[in-house]
Protein backbone atom coordinates (compact mmCIF):
# COMPACT_ATOMS: atom_id res chain seq x y z
CA MET A 1 59.38 121.66 38.22
CA SER A 2 57.59 118.20 39.18
CA LEU A 3 56.05 117.57 42.06
CA ARG A 4 58.77 115.03 42.80
CA ASP A 5 61.69 117.63 42.02
CA LEU A 6 59.71 119.90 44.86
CA VAL A 7 59.55 117.12 47.35
CA ARG A 8 63.19 116.01 46.50
CA ASP A 9 64.59 119.66 46.61
CA GLU A 10 62.58 119.99 50.33
CA ALA A 11 64.07 116.66 51.73
CA MET A 12 67.78 117.85 50.20
CA ALA A 13 67.00 121.20 52.17
CA GLN A 14 66.26 119.70 55.73
CA MET A 15 69.50 117.41 55.11
CA THR A 16 73.09 118.31 57.24
CA PRO A 17 75.92 118.64 54.87
CA ALA A 18 77.21 115.26 56.05
CA GLU A 19 73.77 113.72 55.37
CA ARG A 20 73.78 115.11 51.71
CA LEU A 21 77.04 113.98 51.08
CA ALA A 22 76.55 110.97 51.81
CA GLN A 23 73.52 110.67 49.88
CA LEU A 24 75.50 111.86 47.03
CA SER A 25 78.59 110.18 46.84
CA ALA A 26 77.00 107.36 44.80
CA ALA A 27 74.44 109.30 43.24
CA ARG A 28 74.42 109.67 39.52
CA LEU A 29 75.18 113.17 38.40
CA TYR A 30 74.60 115.00 34.70
CA PHE A 31 76.97 117.59 33.47
CA GLN A 32 77.49 119.11 29.72
CA ARG A 33 79.77 117.17 27.72
CA PRO A 34 82.27 119.01 25.34
CA GLU A 35 83.38 117.80 22.16
CA SER A 36 86.51 116.53 23.39
CA PRO A 37 86.63 113.68 26.61
CA GLY A 38 86.79 116.62 29.64
CA VAL A 39 84.28 118.39 30.77
CA PHE A 40 83.58 122.50 30.82
CA VAL A 41 84.89 124.22 33.31
CA SER A 42 83.39 127.68 34.21
CA GLU A 43 86.13 130.38 35.69
CA THR A 44 84.55 132.12 38.20
CA VAL A 45 85.26 134.74 41.26
CA ASP A 46 85.44 131.70 43.81
CA GLY A 47 87.49 129.61 41.34
CA PRO A 48 86.82 126.91 38.63
CA ILE A 49 83.80 124.94 38.87
CA VAL A 50 81.82 122.55 36.54
CA PRO A 51 78.16 122.86 36.89
CA VAL A 52 76.57 119.38 37.70
CA PHE A 53 73.22 118.33 38.39
CA THR A 54 71.31 115.60 40.50
CA SER A 55 68.79 115.50 37.54
CA TRP A 56 69.24 115.53 33.49
CA GLU A 57 65.63 118.32 33.99
CA GLY A 58 67.91 120.09 35.83
CA LEU A 59 71.22 120.36 33.31
CA ALA A 60 68.45 120.94 30.41
CA LEU A 61 67.31 123.80 32.24
CA PHE A 62 70.85 124.98 32.59
CA ALA A 63 71.96 124.24 29.17
CA GLY A 64 69.33 123.79 26.78
CA VAL A 65 69.54 120.89 24.17
CA CYS A 66 73.33 119.38 24.87
CA GLU A 67 75.71 116.60 24.54
CA TRP A 68 75.60 115.35 28.54
CA ALA A 69 77.27 112.56 30.44
CA SER A 70 76.67 111.43 33.81
CA THR A 71 78.39 109.93 36.62
CA THR A 72 78.69 109.29 40.03
CA ALA A 73 80.06 111.76 42.63
CA GLU A 74 82.60 109.64 43.80
CA ASP A 75 84.06 109.07 40.29
CA LEU A 76 83.49 113.05 39.02
CA VAL A 77 85.47 114.00 41.87
CA ASP A 78 88.30 111.88 40.90
CA LEU A 79 87.79 113.11 37.12
CA LEU A 80 88.07 117.00 37.69
CA PRO A 81 90.98 118.27 37.14
CA GLU A 82 93.55 119.40 40.34
CA GLY A 83 91.91 122.32 41.51
CA VAL A 84 88.64 122.44 40.01
CA ARG A 85 85.33 122.01 42.06
CA ALA A 86 81.88 120.71 41.52
CA LEU A 87 78.75 123.10 42.12
CA VAL A 88 75.82 121.05 42.67
CA ASP A 89 71.99 121.93 40.97
CA PRO A 90 73.45 125.43 40.83
CA LEU A 91 69.58 126.46 39.25
CA GLY A 92 68.45 124.66 42.28
CA SER A 93 67.27 126.24 45.78
CA ASN A 94 70.40 124.55 47.48
CA PRO A 95 73.42 124.85 45.69
CA PHE A 96 76.44 123.32 47.10
CA LEU A 97 80.31 122.84 46.14
CA LEU A 98 81.46 119.21 46.07
CA GLU A 99 84.87 118.87 46.47
CA ALA A 100 87.34 116.08 46.51
CA SER A 101 88.24 116.22 49.81
CA MET A 102 84.27 116.10 51.38
CA LEU A 103 84.07 112.75 49.94
CA GLU A 104 87.82 111.35 51.42
CA GLU A 105 87.71 108.81 54.12
CA PRO A 106 88.62 110.49 57.52
CA ALA A 107 92.16 109.52 58.35
CA GLU A 108 92.34 106.55 61.38
CA VAL A 109 93.26 108.11 65.15
CA GLU A 110 96.54 106.33 66.18
CA GLY A 111 96.09 103.56 69.03
CA GLU A 112 92.42 102.70 67.81
């Protein structure tokens, strides 16, 4: 792990969930790419997830040498199958689940 990775991980740990999502919404996420279009979905006790990483180095630590793809968090949640969530940086010090509802704009309140 590089010094840059350590600093980034520590900065992410100090952020509130809202701040983390705001920074992540336009960030590139890297994931293992299967032979046919799509993503690798892992079945867990908490439901289906796709492991994604904020760096290709994190993906390499997780999957080794592999075919990979990247996209923004906003695009990724649109690409995920219904009911599948993304687990961001599962090997990092602060992994978290990313769901489509987390990136949606809050509904406008009537009368405003």
